[in-house]
Amino acid sequence: MKSEVNPQTVDISFARLEERIRQVTDLCRDLRVERILMQKEIAGLLLQIETLTDEKRKLERRIDYLVADRLELRQRVEEILDAVATLEIEAESVNK
């Protein structure tokens, strides 16, 4: 007995295969587009990271400067307060 192939069945199977191929092709296209968009987004984020890192370094340097300046001012104020205290002691000894 020979098995006969029904042309209608072959047409349906071929149509299903064509549809699956079209779906895979569409999926590949969509994934390619999505990959390109993500690569652009990553490039933008890397640039943003670089910019923020530079800004962070600048701010750290500024903080270091301000901390050093604050310490210097504190030292000057302490020297002035010591001088004022010395003058007060001298003034008290003169008044006695």
N, C-alpha and C. Protein backbone atom coordinates (compact mmCIF):
# COMPACT_ATOMS: atom_id res chain seq x y z
N MET A 1 0.82 -1.18 0.00
CA MET A 1 0.00 0.00 0.00
C MET A 1 0.86 1.24 0.00
N LYS A 2 0.59 2.07 -0.90
CA LYS A 2 1.28 3.34 -0.99
C LYS A 2 0.49 4.38 -0.23
N SER A 3 1.22 5.20 0.47
CA SER A 3 0.57 6.28 1.18
C SER A 3 0.51 7.48 0.26
N GLU A 4 -0.67 7.91 0.03
CA GLU A 4 -0.84 9.06 -0.86
C GLU A 4 -0.82 10.35 -0.03
N VAL A 5 -0.18 11.34 -0.60
CA VAL A 5 -0.09 12.63 0.07
C VAL A 5 -1.24 13.48 -0.41
N ASN A 6 -1.94 13.99 0.55
CA ASN A 6 -3.07 14.84 0.25
C ASN A 6 -2.56 16.25 -0.02
N PRO A 7 -2.76 16.81 -1.20
CA PRO A 7 -2.27 18.15 -1.52
C PRO A 7 -2.79 19.23 -0.57
N GLN A 8 -4.00 19.05 -0.09
CA GLN A 8 -4.57 20.02 0.85
C GLN A 8 -3.78 20.03 2.16
N THR A 9 -3.40 18.85 2.63
CA THR A 9 -2.62 18.73 3.85
C THR A 9 -1.24 19.35 3.66
N VAL A 10 -0.64 19.13 2.50
CA VAL A 10 0.67 19.70 2.20
C VAL A 10 0.57 21.22 2.17
N ASP A 11 -0.48 21.74 1.56
CA ASP A 11 -0.68 23.19 1.52
C ASP A 11 -0.83 23.78 2.92
N ILE A 12 -1.57 23.10 3.78
CA ILE A 12 -1.78 23.58 5.16
C ILE A 12 -0.46 23.53 5.92
N SER A 13 0.28 22.43 5.78
CA SER A 13 1.57 22.31 6.47
C SER A 13 2.54 23.36 5.96
N PHE A 14 2.56 23.59 4.66
CA PHE A 14 3.44 24.59 4.09
C PHE A 14 3.04 25.99 4.58
N ALA A 15 1.75 26.25 4.66
CA ALA A 15 1.26 27.54 5.15
C ALA A 15 1.67 27.74 6.61
N ARG A 16 1.58 26.67 7.41
CA ARG A 16 2.00 26.76 8.81
C ARG A 16 3.50 27.04 8.91
N LEU A 17 4.27 26.35 8.07
CA LEU A 17 5.71 26.56 8.05
C LEU A 17 6.04 28.00 7.64
N GLU A 18 5.36 28.49 6.63
CA GLU A 18 5.58 29.87 6.19
C GLU A 18 5.25 30.86 7.33
N GLU A 19 4.15 30.60 8.01
CA GLU A 19 3.74 31.46 9.12
C GLU A 19 4.78 31.44 10.24
N ARG A 20 5.29 30.26 10.58
CA ARG A 20 6.31 30.14 11.62
C ARG A 20 7.59 30.87 11.20
N ILE A 21 7.96 30.73 9.94
CA ILE A 21 9.16 31.41 9.44
C ILE A 21 8.96 32.92 9.52
N ARG A 22 7.78 33.40 9.15
CA ARG A 22 7.48 34.82 9.24
C ARG A 22 7.55 35.29 10.69
N GLN A 23 7.01 34.51 11.61
CA GLN A 23 7.04 34.88 13.03
C GLN A 23 8.49 34.95 13.55
N VAL A 24 9.29 33.96 13.16
CA VAL A 24 10.69 33.96 13.59
C VAL A 24 11.43 35.16 12.99
N THR A 25 11.15 35.45 11.73
CA THR A 25 11.77 36.59 11.07
C THR A 25 11.37 37.89 11.76
N ASP A 26 10.10 38.03 12.08
CA ASP A 26 9.62 39.22 12.80
C ASP A 26 10.28 39.34 14.18
N LEU A 27 10.37 38.21 14.86
CA LEU A 27 11.00 38.21 16.18
C LEU A 27 12.47 38.62 16.08
N CYS A 28 13.17 38.09 15.10
CA CYS A 28 14.58 38.47 14.90
C CYS A 28 14.71 39.96 14.61
N ARG A 29 13.84 40.49 13.77
CA ARG A 29 13.86 41.92 13.45
C ARG A 29 13.60 42.74 14.72
N ASP A 30 12.58 42.34 15.47
CA ASP A 30 12.24 43.07 16.70
C ASP A 30 13.40 43.02 17.70
N LEU A 31 14.02 41.86 17.83
CA LEU A 31 15.14 41.72 18.76
C LEU A 31 16.34 42.55 18.30
N ARG A 32 16.57 42.62 17.00
CA ARG A 32 17.67 43.43 16.47
C ARG A 32 17.42 44.91 16.78
N VAL A 33 16.20 45.36 16.56
CA VAL A 33 15.84 46.76 16.84
C VAL A 33 15.99 47.03 18.34
N GLU A 34 15.51 46.11 19.16
CA GLU A 34 15.60 46.28 20.61
C GLU A 34 17.07 46.31 21.05
N ARG A 35 17.90 45.45 20.46
CA ARG A 35 19.33 45.44 20.80
C ARG A 35 19.98 46.78 20.46
N ILE A 36 19.66 47.32 19.29
CA ILE A 36 20.22 48.60 18.87
C ILE A 36 19.78 49.71 19.84
N LEU A 37 18.51 49.70 20.21
CA LEU A 37 18.01 50.71 21.16
C LEU A 37 18.71 50.58 22.51
N MET A 38 18.90 49.35 22.96
CA MET A 38 19.56 49.13 24.25
C MET A 38 21.02 49.55 24.18
N GLN A 39 21.68 49.31 23.06
CA GLN A 39 23.08 49.73 22.91
C GLN A 39 23.17 51.25 22.97
N LYS A 40 22.22 51.94 22.34
CA LYS A 40 22.20 53.40 22.41
C LYS A 40 21.95 53.87 23.84
N GLU A 41 21.05 53.20 24.52
CA GLU A 41 20.75 53.56 25.91
C GLU A 41 21.97 53.33 26.80
N ILE A 42 22.66 52.21 26.58
CA ILE A 42 23.86 51.91 27.36
C ILE A 42 24.93 52.97 27.10
N ALA A 43 25.11 53.35 25.83
CA ALA A 43 26.09 54.38 25.49
C ALA A 43 25.75 55.69 26.21
N GLY A 44 24.48 56.04 26.22
CA GLY A 44 24.05 57.25 26.92
C GLY A 44 24.29 57.16 28.42
N LEU A 45 24.01 55.99 28.98
CA LEU A 45 24.22 55.81 30.42
C LEU A 45 25.71 55.84 30.77
N LEU A 46 26.55 55.27 29.91
CA LEU A 46 27.99 55.31 30.14
C LEU A 46 28.50 56.75 30.10
N LEU A 47 27.99 57.53 29.17
CA LEU A 47 28.36 58.94 29.10
C LEU A 47 27.91 59.69 30.35
N GLN A 48 26.70 59.37 30.78
CA GLN A 48 26.16 60.00 31.99
C GLN A 48 27.01 59.61 33.22
N ILE A 49 27.43 58.35 33.28
CA ILE A 49 28.28 57.90 34.39
C ILE A 49 29.60 58.66 34.37
N GLU A 50 30.17 58.81 33.18
CA GLU A 50 31.44 59.54 33.05
C GLU A 50 31.28 60.98 33.51
N THR A 51 30.20 61.63 33.08
CA THR A 51 29.94 63.01 33.47
C THR A 51 29.75 63.12 34.98
N LEU A 52 28.97 62.21 35.54
CA LEU A 52 28.72 62.24 36.99
C LEU A 52 29.98 61.93 37.78
N THR A 53 30.82 61.05 37.25
CA THR A 53 32.08 60.73 37.93
C THR A 53 32.98 61.95 37.95
N ASP A 54 33.06 62.66 36.83
CA ASP A 54 33.85 63.89 36.79
C ASP A 54 33.31 64.92 37.77
N GLU A 55 32.00 65.07 37.79
CA GLU A 55 31.37 66.02 38.71
C GLU A 55 31.64 65.62 40.16
N LYS A 56 31.58 64.32 40.43
CA LYS A 56 31.85 63.83 41.79
C LYS A 56 33.28 64.16 42.20
N ARG A 57 34.24 63.95 41.29
CA ARG A 57 35.64 64.28 41.60
C ARG A 57 35.79 65.77 41.91
N LYS A 58 35.14 66.61 41.10
CA LYS A 58 35.21 68.06 41.33
C LYS A 58 34.64 68.41 42.70
N LEU A 59 33.50 67.81 43.02
CA LEU A 59 32.87 68.09 44.31
C LEU A 59 33.73 67.59 45.47
N GLU A 60 34.38 66.44 45.29
CA GLU A 60 35.26 65.93 46.34
C GLU A 60 36.44 66.88 46.57
N ARG A 61 37.00 67.39 45.46
CA ARG A 61 38.10 68.35 45.59
C ARG A 61 37.61 69.62 46.30
N ARG A 62 36.41 70.07 45.94
CA ARG A 62 35.83 71.26 46.56
C ARG A 62 35.61 71.03 48.05
N ILE A 63 35.12 69.86 48.41
CA ILE A 63 34.90 69.53 49.82
C ILE A 63 36.23 69.52 50.56
N ASP A 64 37.25 68.91 49.95
CA ASP A 64 38.57 68.89 50.58
C ASP A 64 39.07 70.31 50.82
N TYR A 65 38.90 71.16 49.82
CA TYR A 65 39.31 72.56 49.95
C TYR A 65 38.55 73.25 51.09
N LEU A 66 37.24 73.05 51.11
CA LEU A 66 36.41 73.70 52.14
C LEU A 66 36.75 73.18 53.54
N VAL A 67 37.02 71.90 53.65
CA VAL A 67 37.39 71.34 54.96
C VAL A 67 38.71 71.95 55.42
N ALA A 68 39.68 72.03 54.51
CA ALA A 68 40.98 72.63 54.85
C ALA A 68 40.79 74.11 55.23
N ASP A 69 39.96 74.81 54.48
CA ASP A 69 39.69 76.22 54.75
C ASP A 69 39.02 76.37 56.12
N ARG A 70 38.10 75.49 56.41
CA ARG A 70 37.39 75.52 57.71
C ARG A 70 38.38 75.29 58.85
N LEU A 71 39.27 74.33 58.68
CA LEU A 71 40.26 74.07 59.72
C LEU A 71 41.18 75.27 59.93
N GLU A 72 41.57 75.91 58.83
CA GLU A 72 42.41 77.10 58.93
C GLU A 72 41.67 78.22 59.66
N LEU A 73 40.39 78.41 59.31
CA LEU A 73 39.59 79.46 59.98
C LEU A 73 39.42 79.15 61.46
N ARG A 74 39.20 77.88 61.77
CA ARG A 74 39.04 77.48 63.17
C ARG A 74 40.32 77.80 63.94
N GLN A 75 41.45 77.51 63.32
CA GLN A 75 42.73 77.79 63.96
C GLN A 75 42.91 79.30 64.19
N ARG A 76 42.55 80.09 63.20
CA ARG A 76 42.66 81.55 63.34
C ARG A 76 41.75 82.07 64.44
N VAL A 77 40.51 81.56 64.47
CA VAL A 77 39.56 81.99 65.51
C VAL A 77 40.09 81.62 66.88
N GLU A 78 40.65 80.41 67.01
CA GLU A 78 41.20 80.00 68.30
C GLU A 78 42.37 80.91 68.71
N GLU A 79 43.20 81.29 67.73
CA GLU A 79 44.30 82.21 68.02
C GLU A 79 43.77 83.57 68.47
N ILE A 80 42.72 84.04 67.79
CA ILE A 80 42.11 85.33 68.17
C ILE A 80 41.51 85.24 69.56
N LEU A 81 40.80 84.13 69.85
CA LEU A 81 40.21 83.96 71.18
C LEU A 81 41.29 83.89 72.26
N ASP A 82 42.38 83.21 71.94
CA ASP A 82 43.50 83.15 72.89
C ASP A 82 44.07 84.55 73.13
N ALA A 83 44.20 85.33 72.04
CA ALA A 83 44.72 86.70 72.16
C ALA A 83 43.77 87.56 72.99
N VAL A 84 42.48 87.40 72.77
CA VAL A 84 41.48 88.16 73.52
C VAL A 84 41.55 87.76 74.99
N ALA A 85 41.68 86.46 75.25
CA ALA A 85 41.78 86.00 76.65
C ALA A 85 43.02 86.57 77.31
N THR A 86 44.12 86.59 76.58
CA THR A 86 45.36 87.16 77.12
C THR A 86 45.16 88.65 77.42
N LEU A 87 44.54 89.38 76.50
CA LEU A 87 44.28 90.81 76.72
C LEU A 87 43.37 91.03 77.93
N GLU A 88 42.39 90.16 78.10
CA GLU A 88 41.48 90.29 79.25
C GLU A 88 42.24 90.07 80.55
N ILE A 89 43.15 89.08 80.54
CA ILE A 89 43.93 88.81 81.75
C ILE A 89 44.84 90.01 82.06
N GLU A 90 45.47 90.56 81.01
CA GLU A 90 46.32 91.72 81.17
C GLU A 90 45.52 92.93 81.67
N ALA A 91 44.32 93.09 81.13
CA ALA A 91 43.46 94.22 81.52
C ALA A 91 43.06 94.07 82.99
N GLU A 92 42.77 92.86 83.42
CA GLU A 92 42.40 92.62 84.81
C GLU A 92 43.58 92.92 85.74
N SER A 93 44.79 92.54 85.30
CA SER A 93 45.96 92.77 86.17
C SER A 93 46.29 94.25 86.25
N VAL A 94 46.01 95.00 85.17
CA VAL A 94 46.25 96.44 85.17
C VAL A 94 45.24 97.12 86.08
N ASN A 95 44.03 96.69 86.10
CA ASN A 95 42.96 97.29 86.91
C ASN A 95 43.13 97.01 88.40
N LYS A 96 43.89 96.05 88.77
CA LYS A 96 44.01 95.72 90.19
C LYS A 96 44.95 96.59 90.90
